[in-house]
């Protein structure tokens, strides 16, 4: 099924490239989901902040409680 909204493609504007590099450091092209969010920078910033918290040790829930049941 074709995507309804195409992810942002390189070369990215500098502000988009900076955010994408913070989300996915390294030389690899960021995954399509991140490039899709990069079309709206405030959304990208919010999701990055939320994801960074959810995957960090600052989260008050223990790691074993974060895993899905099953």
C-alpha atoms as a PDB file:
ATOM      1  CA  UNK A   1       0.000   0.000   0.000  1.00  0.00           C
ATOM      2  CA  UNK A   2       1.518   3.360  -0.943  1.00  0.00           C
ATOM      3  CA  UNK A   3       2.139   5.896   1.815  1.00  0.00           C
ATOM      4  CA  UNK A   4      -0.383   8.708   2.076  1.00  0.00           C
ATOM      5  CA  UNK A   5       2.236  11.212   3.186  1.00  0.00           C
ATOM      6  CA  UNK A   6       5.747  10.635   1.914  1.00  0.00           C
ATOM      7  CA  UNK A   7       8.587  10.833   4.459  1.00  0.00           C
ATOM      8  CA  UNK A   8      11.007  13.728   4.078  1.00  0.00           C
ATOM      9  CA  UNK A   9      13.830  12.881   1.708  1.00  0.00           C
ATOM     10  CA  UNK A  10      17.491  13.976   1.774  1.00  0.00           C
ATOM     11  CA  UNK A  11      18.939  16.484   1.397  1.00  0.00           C
ATOM     12  CA  UNK A  12      17.127  17.861   4.440  1.00  0.00           C
ATOM     13  CA  UNK A  13      17.047  21.534   5.448  1.00  0.00           C
ATOM     14  CA  UNK A  14      19.543  22.204   8.233  1.00  0.00           C
ATOM     15  CA  UNK A  15      16.973  22.409  11.058  1.00  0.00           C
ATOM     16  CA  UNK A  16      15.380  19.116   9.962  1.00  0.00           C
ATOM     17  CA  UNK A  17      18.783  17.432   9.587  1.00  0.00           C
ATOM     18  CA  UNK A  18      19.751  18.522  13.116  1.00  0.00           C
ATOM     19  CA  UNK A  19      16.604  17.059  14.679  1.00  0.00           C
ATOM     20  CA  UNK A  20      16.895  13.830  12.710  1.00  0.00           C
ATOM     21  CA  UNK A  21      20.533  13.457  13.773  1.00  0.00           C
ATOM     22  CA  UNK A  22      19.575  13.860  17.444  1.00  0.00           C
ATOM     23  CA  UNK A  23      16.874  11.223  17.071  1.00  0.00           C
ATOM     24  CA  UNK A  24      19.034   8.769  15.148  1.00  0.00           C
ATOM     25  CA  UNK A  25      22.743   9.600  15.442  1.00  0.00           C
ATOM     26  CA  UNK A  26      25.204   8.117  13.001  1.00  0.00           C
ATOM     27  CA  UNK A  27      25.595   8.103   9.257  1.00  0.00           C
ATOM     28  CA  UNK A  28      22.572   5.974   8.412  1.00  0.00           C
ATOM     29  CA  UNK A  29      19.467   7.520   6.889  1.00  0.00           C
ATOM     30  CA  UNK A  30      16.820   7.877   9.634  1.00  0.00           C
ATOM     31  CA  UNK A  31      13.948   5.421   9.437  1.00  0.00           C
ATOM     32  CA  UNK A  32      10.858   6.458   7.470  1.00  0.00           C
ATOM     33  CA  UNK A  33       8.777   7.014  10.618  1.00  0.00           C
ATOM     34  CA  UNK A  34      11.226   9.637  11.915  1.00  0.00           C
ATOM     35  CA  UNK A  35      11.432  11.276   8.484  1.00  0.00           C
ATOM     36  CA  UNK A  36       7.643  11.403   8.349  1.00  0.00           C
ATOM     37  CA  UNK A  37       7.509  13.198  11.711  1.00  0.00           C
ATOM     38  CA  UNK A  38      10.246  15.555  10.503  1.00  0.00           C
ATOM     39  CA  UNK A  39       7.697  17.201   8.219  1.00  0.00           C
ATOM     40  CA  UNK A  40       6.361  18.946  11.376  1.00  0.00           C
ATOM     41  CA  UNK A  41       9.295  19.998  13.568  1.00  0.00           C
ATOM     42  CA  UNK A  42       7.300  20.763  16.767  1.00  0.00           C
ATOM     43  CA  UNK A  43       5.832  17.246  16.583  1.00  0.00           C
ATOM     44  CA  UNK A  44       9.283  15.793  15.998  1.00  0.00           C
ATOM     45  CA  UNK A  45      10.719  17.633  18.995  1.00  0.00           C
ATOM     46  CA  UNK A  46       7.837  16.521  21.234  1.00  0.00           C
ATOM     47  CA  UNK A  47       8.079  12.877  20.176  1.00  0.00           C
ATOM     48  CA  UNK A  48      11.850  12.884  20.623  1.00  0.00           C
ATOM     49  CA  UNK A  49      11.540  14.282  24.148  1.00  0.00           C
ATOM     50  CA  UNK A  50       8.833  11.761  25.036  1.00  0.00           C
ATOM     51  CA  UNK A  51      10.733   8.821  23.546  1.00  0.00           C
ATOM     52  CA  UNK A  52      13.960   9.834  25.251  1.00  0.00           C
ATOM     53  CA  UNK A  53      12.170   9.852  28.588  1.00  0.00           C
ATOM     54  CA  UNK A  54      10.332   6.573  28.017  1.00  0.00           C
ATOM     55  CA  UNK A  55      13.573   4.791  27.150  1.00  0.00           C
ATOM     56  CA  UNK A  56      15.681   6.320  29.917  1.00  0.00           C
ATOM     57  CA  UNK A  57      16.417   5.460  33.517  1.00  0.00           C
ATOM     58  CA  UNK A  58      14.527   8.614  34.581  1.00  0.00           C
ATOM     59  CA  UNK A  59      11.245   6.781  34.001  1.00  0.00           C
ATOM     60  CA  UNK A  60       9.866   5.768  37.380  1.00  0.00           C
ATOM     61  CA  UNK A  61       8.548   2.429  36.089  1.00  0.00           C
ATOM     62  CA  UNK A  62      10.975  -0.469  36.301  1.00  0.00           C
ATOM     63  CA  UNK A  63      12.148  -2.008  33.036  1.00  0.00           C
ATOM     64  CA  UNK A  64      10.328  -5.281  33.615  1.00  0.00           C
ATOM     65  CA  UNK A  65       7.044  -3.352  34.017  1.00  0.00           C
ATOM     66  CA  UNK A  66       7.531  -1.629  30.643  1.00  0.00           C
ATOM     67  CA  UNK A  67       7.538  -4.855  28.638  1.00  0.00           C
ATOM     68  CA  UNK A  68       4.251  -5.970  27.111  1.00  0.00           C
ATOM     69  CA  UNK A  69       2.629  -8.953  28.751  1.00  0.00           C
ATOM     70  CA  UNK A  70       2.611 -12.176  26.885  1.00  0.00           C
END
